[in-house]
N, C-alpha and C. Protein backbone atom coordinates (compact mmCIF):
# COMPACT_ATOMS: atom_id res chain seq x y z
N MET A 1 -3.10 17.26 20.96
CA MET A 1 -2.33 18.04 20.46
C MET A 1 -1.45 17.70 19.75
N ARG A 2 -0.51 17.08 20.38
CA ARG A 2 0.55 16.44 20.19
C ARG A 2 0.16 15.32 19.05
N THR A 3 -0.63 14.76 18.90
CA THR A 3 -0.17 13.77 18.24
C THR A 3 -1.09 14.39 17.11
N THR A 4 -1.61 15.55 16.54
CA THR A 4 -1.95 16.30 15.27
C THR A 4 -0.50 16.61 14.79
N ILE A 5 -0.08 17.74 15.64
CA ILE A 5 1.23 17.80 15.17
C ILE A 5 2.37 17.28 14.91
N LEU A 6 2.37 15.76 15.73
CA LEU A 6 3.30 15.05 15.12
C LEU A 6 2.96 14.48 13.42
N THR A 7 2.01 14.12 13.35
CA THR A 7 0.86 13.36 12.23
C THR A 7 1.44 14.31 11.17
N SER A 8 0.71 15.58 11.22
CA SER A 8 0.98 16.63 10.33
C SER A 8 2.62 16.63 9.99
N LEU A 9 3.72 16.27 10.66
CA LEU A 9 4.87 17.06 10.31
C LEU A 9 5.33 15.31 9.50
N VAL A 10 5.04 14.45 10.60
CA VAL A 10 5.05 12.81 9.45
C VAL A 10 4.41 13.24 7.81
N LEU A 11 2.97 13.80 8.04
CA LEU A 11 2.15 13.95 6.27
C LEU A 11 3.36 15.16 5.49
N CYS A 12 3.91 15.87 6.58
CA CYS A 12 4.27 16.74 5.69
C CYS A 12 5.41 15.92 4.94
N ALA A 13 6.88 15.74 5.84
CA ALA A 13 8.30 15.15 5.53
C ALA A 13 7.57 13.58 4.53
N VAL A 14 6.41 13.08 3.91
CA VAL A 14 6.06 12.17 3.08
C VAL A 14 5.64 12.23 1.65
N GLU A 15 4.99 13.72 2.10
CA GLU A 15 4.89 14.43 0.89
C GLU A 15 6.41 14.99 0.09
N PHE A 16 6.60 15.79 0.88
CA PHE A 16 8.00 16.57 0.70
C PHE A 16 8.45 15.07 -0.27
N LEU A 17 9.38 14.14 0.71
CA LEU A 17 9.99 12.84 -0.20
C LEU A 17 9.50 12.60 -0.87
N THR A 18 8.09 12.20 -1.05
CA THR A 18 7.59 12.01 -2.32
C THR A 18 7.60 13.11 -4.08
N ILE A 19 7.95 14.60 -3.41
CA ILE A 19 7.80 15.23 -4.31
C ILE A 19 9.63 15.16 -4.91
N VAL A 20 10.07 14.74 -3.98
CA VAL A 20 11.60 14.39 -4.73
C VAL A 20 12.05 13.36 -5.04
N LEU A 21 11.92 12.38 -4.58
CA LEU A 21 12.30 11.49 -5.26
C LEU A 21 11.00 10.47 -6.86
N ALA A 22 10.17 10.83 -6.41
CA ALA A 22 9.38 10.55 -6.79
C ALA A 22 8.98 11.45 -8.56
N SER A 23 9.63 12.23 -8.24
CA SER A 23 9.75 13.26 -10.05
C SER A 23 10.39 12.85 -11.18
N PRO A 24 11.93 12.76 -10.38
CA PRO A 24 12.99 12.84 -11.52
C PRO A 24 12.66 11.42 -12.14
N MET A 25 12.10 9.96 -12.04
CA MET A 25 11.81 9.35 -11.63
C MET A 25 10.18 8.74 -12.75
N ALA A 26 9.37 9.54 -12.77
CA ALA A 26 8.09 9.81 -13.67
C ALA A 26 9.13 10.39 -14.94
N ARG A 27 7.49 9.90 -16.01
CA ARG A 27 7.66 10.40 -17.50
C ARG A 27 7.93 12.03 -17.38
N PRO A 28 8.20 12.26 -18.38
CA PRO A 28 8.35 13.76 -18.10
C PRO A 28 7.12 14.31 -19.40
N SER A 29 6.31 14.02 -19.60
CA SER A 29 5.05 15.06 -20.25
C SER A 29 4.24 14.22 -18.57
N LEU A 30 4.14 13.90 -17.79
CA LEU A 30 3.61 13.63 -16.19
C LEU A 30 4.10 15.17 -15.79
N VAL A 31 5.19 15.07 -15.08
CA VAL A 31 5.81 15.64 -14.35
C VAL A 31 6.14 17.73 -15.19
N LEU A 32 5.76 17.60 -16.46
CA LEU A 32 5.96 19.17 -16.96
C LEU A 32 4.88 19.48 -17.37
N ARG A 33 3.72 18.81 -17.58
CA ARG A 33 2.32 19.36 -18.03
C ARG A 33 1.73 20.73 -17.13
N PHE A 34 2.10 20.87 -15.81
CA PHE A 34 1.50 21.73 -14.76
C PHE A 34 3.11 22.69 -15.64
N LEU A 35 3.76 22.82 -16.12
CA LEU A 35 4.75 23.84 -16.57
C LEU A 35 4.13 25.15 -17.32
N PRO A 36 5.01 25.85 -17.50
CA PRO A 36 4.28 27.22 -18.77
C PRO A 36 4.59 25.89 -20.13
N GLU A 37 4.11 26.17 -21.17
CA GLU A 37 4.64 26.33 -22.32
C GLU A 37 6.23 26.03 -23.37
N ASP A 38 6.44 27.60 -21.97
CA ASP A 38 7.92 27.62 -23.34
C ASP A 38 8.69 26.66 -21.99
N ILE A 39 8.66 26.00 -21.04
CA ILE A 39 9.36 24.76 -20.39
C ILE A 39 8.91 23.80 -21.16
N ARG A 40 7.74 23.32 -21.48
CA ARG A 40 7.40 22.04 -22.31
C ARG A 40 7.73 22.04 -23.15
N ALA A 41 8.33 22.94 -24.19
CA ALA A 41 8.37 23.09 -25.95
C ALA A 41 9.92 22.55 -25.32
N ALA A 42 11.20 23.43 -24.37
CA ALA A 42 12.05 23.61 -24.09
C ALA A 42 13.15 21.71 -23.72
N ALA A 43 11.52 20.87 -22.76
CA ALA A 43 12.02 19.86 -22.54
C ALA A 43 11.43 18.84 -22.90
N LYS A 44 10.32 18.88 -24.63
CA LYS A 44 10.16 18.13 -24.83
C LYS A 44 10.82 16.84 -25.54
N ASP A 45 11.89 17.28 -26.04
CA ASP A 45 12.77 16.18 -26.20
C ASP A 45 13.81 15.21 -25.22
N HIS A 46 13.72 15.36 -24.02
CA HIS A 46 13.84 15.06 -23.13
C HIS A 46 13.36 12.77 -22.67
N PRO A 47 14.27 12.39 -22.54
CA PRO A 47 14.14 10.79 -23.19
C PRO A 47 13.55 10.49 -21.46
N ASP A 48 12.70 9.43 -21.93
CA ASP A 48 11.92 9.01 -20.82
C ASP A 48 13.15 7.52 -20.11
N PRO A 49 12.40 7.43 -18.41
CA PRO A 49 13.58 7.38 -17.65
C PRO A 49 12.64 5.69 -17.79
N PRO A 50 13.53 4.34 -18.03
CA PRO A 50 13.00 2.94 -17.96
C PRO A 50 12.23 2.91 -16.83
N LYS A 51 11.77 2.39 -17.66
CA LYS A 51 10.35 1.48 -17.03
C LYS A 51 10.31 0.84 -15.14
N TRP A 52 11.35 0.58 -14.92
CA TRP A 52 11.37 0.00 -13.62
C TRP A 52 11.69 1.94 -12.96
N LYS A 53 12.39 2.22 -13.65
CA LYS A 53 11.94 3.64 -12.60
C LYS A 53 10.48 4.12 -12.57
N GLN A 54 9.83 3.85 -13.63
CA GLN A 54 8.58 4.68 -13.96
C GLN A 54 7.37 4.29 -12.72
N MET A 55 8.39 2.45 -12.68
CA MET A 55 7.02 2.01 -11.60
C MET A 55 7.25 2.34 -10.24
N ILE A 56 8.44 2.82 -9.85
CA ILE A 56 8.55 3.40 -9.06
C ILE A 56 8.03 4.62 -8.10
N ALA A 57 8.70 5.04 -9.17
CA ALA A 57 7.67 6.53 -9.49
C ALA A 57 6.05 6.56 -9.04
N HIS A 58 5.95 5.38 -9.52
CA HIS A 58 3.93 5.06 -9.44
C HIS A 58 3.87 4.16 -8.14
N ILE A 59 4.76 3.72 -7.49
CA ILE A 59 4.47 3.02 -6.47
C ILE A 59 4.80 3.51 -5.50
N LEU A 60 5.54 4.75 -5.27
CA LEU A 60 5.27 5.88 -4.68
C LEU A 60 4.71 7.08 -4.24
N LEU A 61 3.39 7.40 -5.46
CA LEU A 61 2.77 7.96 -5.54
C LEU A 61 1.46 7.42 -5.15
N GLY A 62 1.45 6.27 -5.32
CA GLY A 62 0.30 5.27 -4.50
C GLY A 62 0.54 4.75 -3.23
N MET A 63 2.10 4.79 -2.73
CA MET A 63 2.25 4.74 -0.91
C MET A 63 1.60 6.05 -0.17
N PHE A 64 2.00 7.21 -1.20
CA PHE A 64 1.76 8.57 -0.53
C PHE A 64 0.31 9.06 -0.41
N LEU A 65 -0.52 8.61 -1.34
CA LEU A 65 -1.35 8.48 -1.51
C LEU A 65 -2.79 7.42 0.00
N LEU A 66 -1.93 6.50 0.42
CA LEU A 66 -2.96 6.15 0.96
C LEU A 66 -2.73 6.24 2.36
N SER A 67 -1.39 6.90 2.36
CA SER A 67 -0.81 7.75 3.53
C SER A 67 -1.24 8.78 4.24
N PHE A 68 -1.51 9.81 3.08
CA PHE A 68 -2.79 10.73 3.33
C PHE A 68 -3.95 10.14 3.88
N ILE A 69 -3.97 9.83 3.12
CA ILE A 69 -5.80 9.02 3.28
C ILE A 69 -5.97 8.84 4.82
N GLY A 70 -4.64 7.44 5.03
CA GLY A 70 -5.02 6.86 6.46
C GLY A 70 -4.28 7.93 7.25
N GLY A 71 -3.79 9.69 7.32
CA GLY A 71 -3.41 10.20 8.41
C GLY A 71 -4.48 11.22 8.29
N ILE A 72 -5.85 10.95 6.85
CA ILE A 72 -6.83 12.04 7.42
C ILE A 72 -7.92 11.59 8.22
N LEU A 73 -7.72 9.75 7.93
CA LEU A 73 -9.30 8.84 9.27
C LEU A 73 -8.33 9.38 10.13
N PHE A 74 -7.07 8.52 10.37
CA PHE A 74 -6.55 8.27 12.43
C PHE A 74 -7.01 9.89 12.17
N LEU A 75 -6.80 11.13 12.56
CA LEU A 75 -7.15 12.14 13.00
C LEU A 75 -8.29 12.54 12.87
N GLY A 76 -9.12 11.94 12.19
CA GLY A 76 -10.57 12.72 12.41
C GLY A 76 -11.43 11.80 13.29
N PHE A 77 -10.91 10.79 13.65
CA PHE A 77 -10.70 9.53 14.76
C PHE A 77 -10.25 10.17 15.57
N ASP A 78 -9.54 10.23 15.91
CA ASP A 78 -8.55 11.04 17.25
C ASP A 78 -9.11 12.30 17.53
N GLY A 79 -9.58 13.61 16.76
CA GLY A 79 -10.54 13.81 16.93
C GLY A 79 -11.84 13.82 17.18
N LEU A 80 -12.27 13.29 16.96
CA LEU A 80 -13.59 12.11 17.51
C LEU A 80 -14.00 11.94 18.74
N LYS A 81 -12.44 10.78 18.92
CA LYS A 81 -12.56 10.43 20.77
C LYS A 81 -12.15 11.39 21.29
N HIS A 82 -11.65 12.70 20.76
CA HIS A 82 -11.47 13.16 21.91
C HIS A 82 -12.30 14.16 22.35
N SER A 83 -12.97 14.66 21.52
CA SER A 83 -14.52 15.45 21.37
C SER A 83 -15.41 15.47 21.89
N GLY A 84 -15.87 14.09 22.62
CA GLY A 84 -16.48 13.26 22.97
C GLY A 84 -17.68 12.73 21.88
N MET A 85 -17.15 12.86 21.05
CA MET A 85 -18.46 13.17 19.89
C MET A 85 -18.86 10.94 19.16
N ALA A 86 -17.29 10.41 19.54
CA ALA A 86 -17.62 9.24 19.37
C ALA A 86 -18.42 8.16 20.20
N ARG A 87 -18.68 7.25 19.80
CA ARG A 87 -19.23 6.25 20.27
C ARG A 87 -19.16 5.35 21.39
N THR A 88 -18.92 5.02 22.52
CA THR A 88 -18.65 4.23 23.29
C THR A 88 -18.85 2.57 23.17
């Protein structure tokens, strides 16, 4: 139980930090496409960040994806281990 809560808190922290850190470094078209049309129209002339910042944003998003998949697999195997369904 403690492992599940701790892993969930770590994944939430990683997700929050990824959103906060990667959003300003990504291209505006990537970030703004989920917003309403009037906001997209107001921000259409916003300049793209430098390529190195965009690369950092994509690396952060990739690390988030890998950590999220790893957390799901870890919690799945931990749940199987504690439920007695795992092969010994």
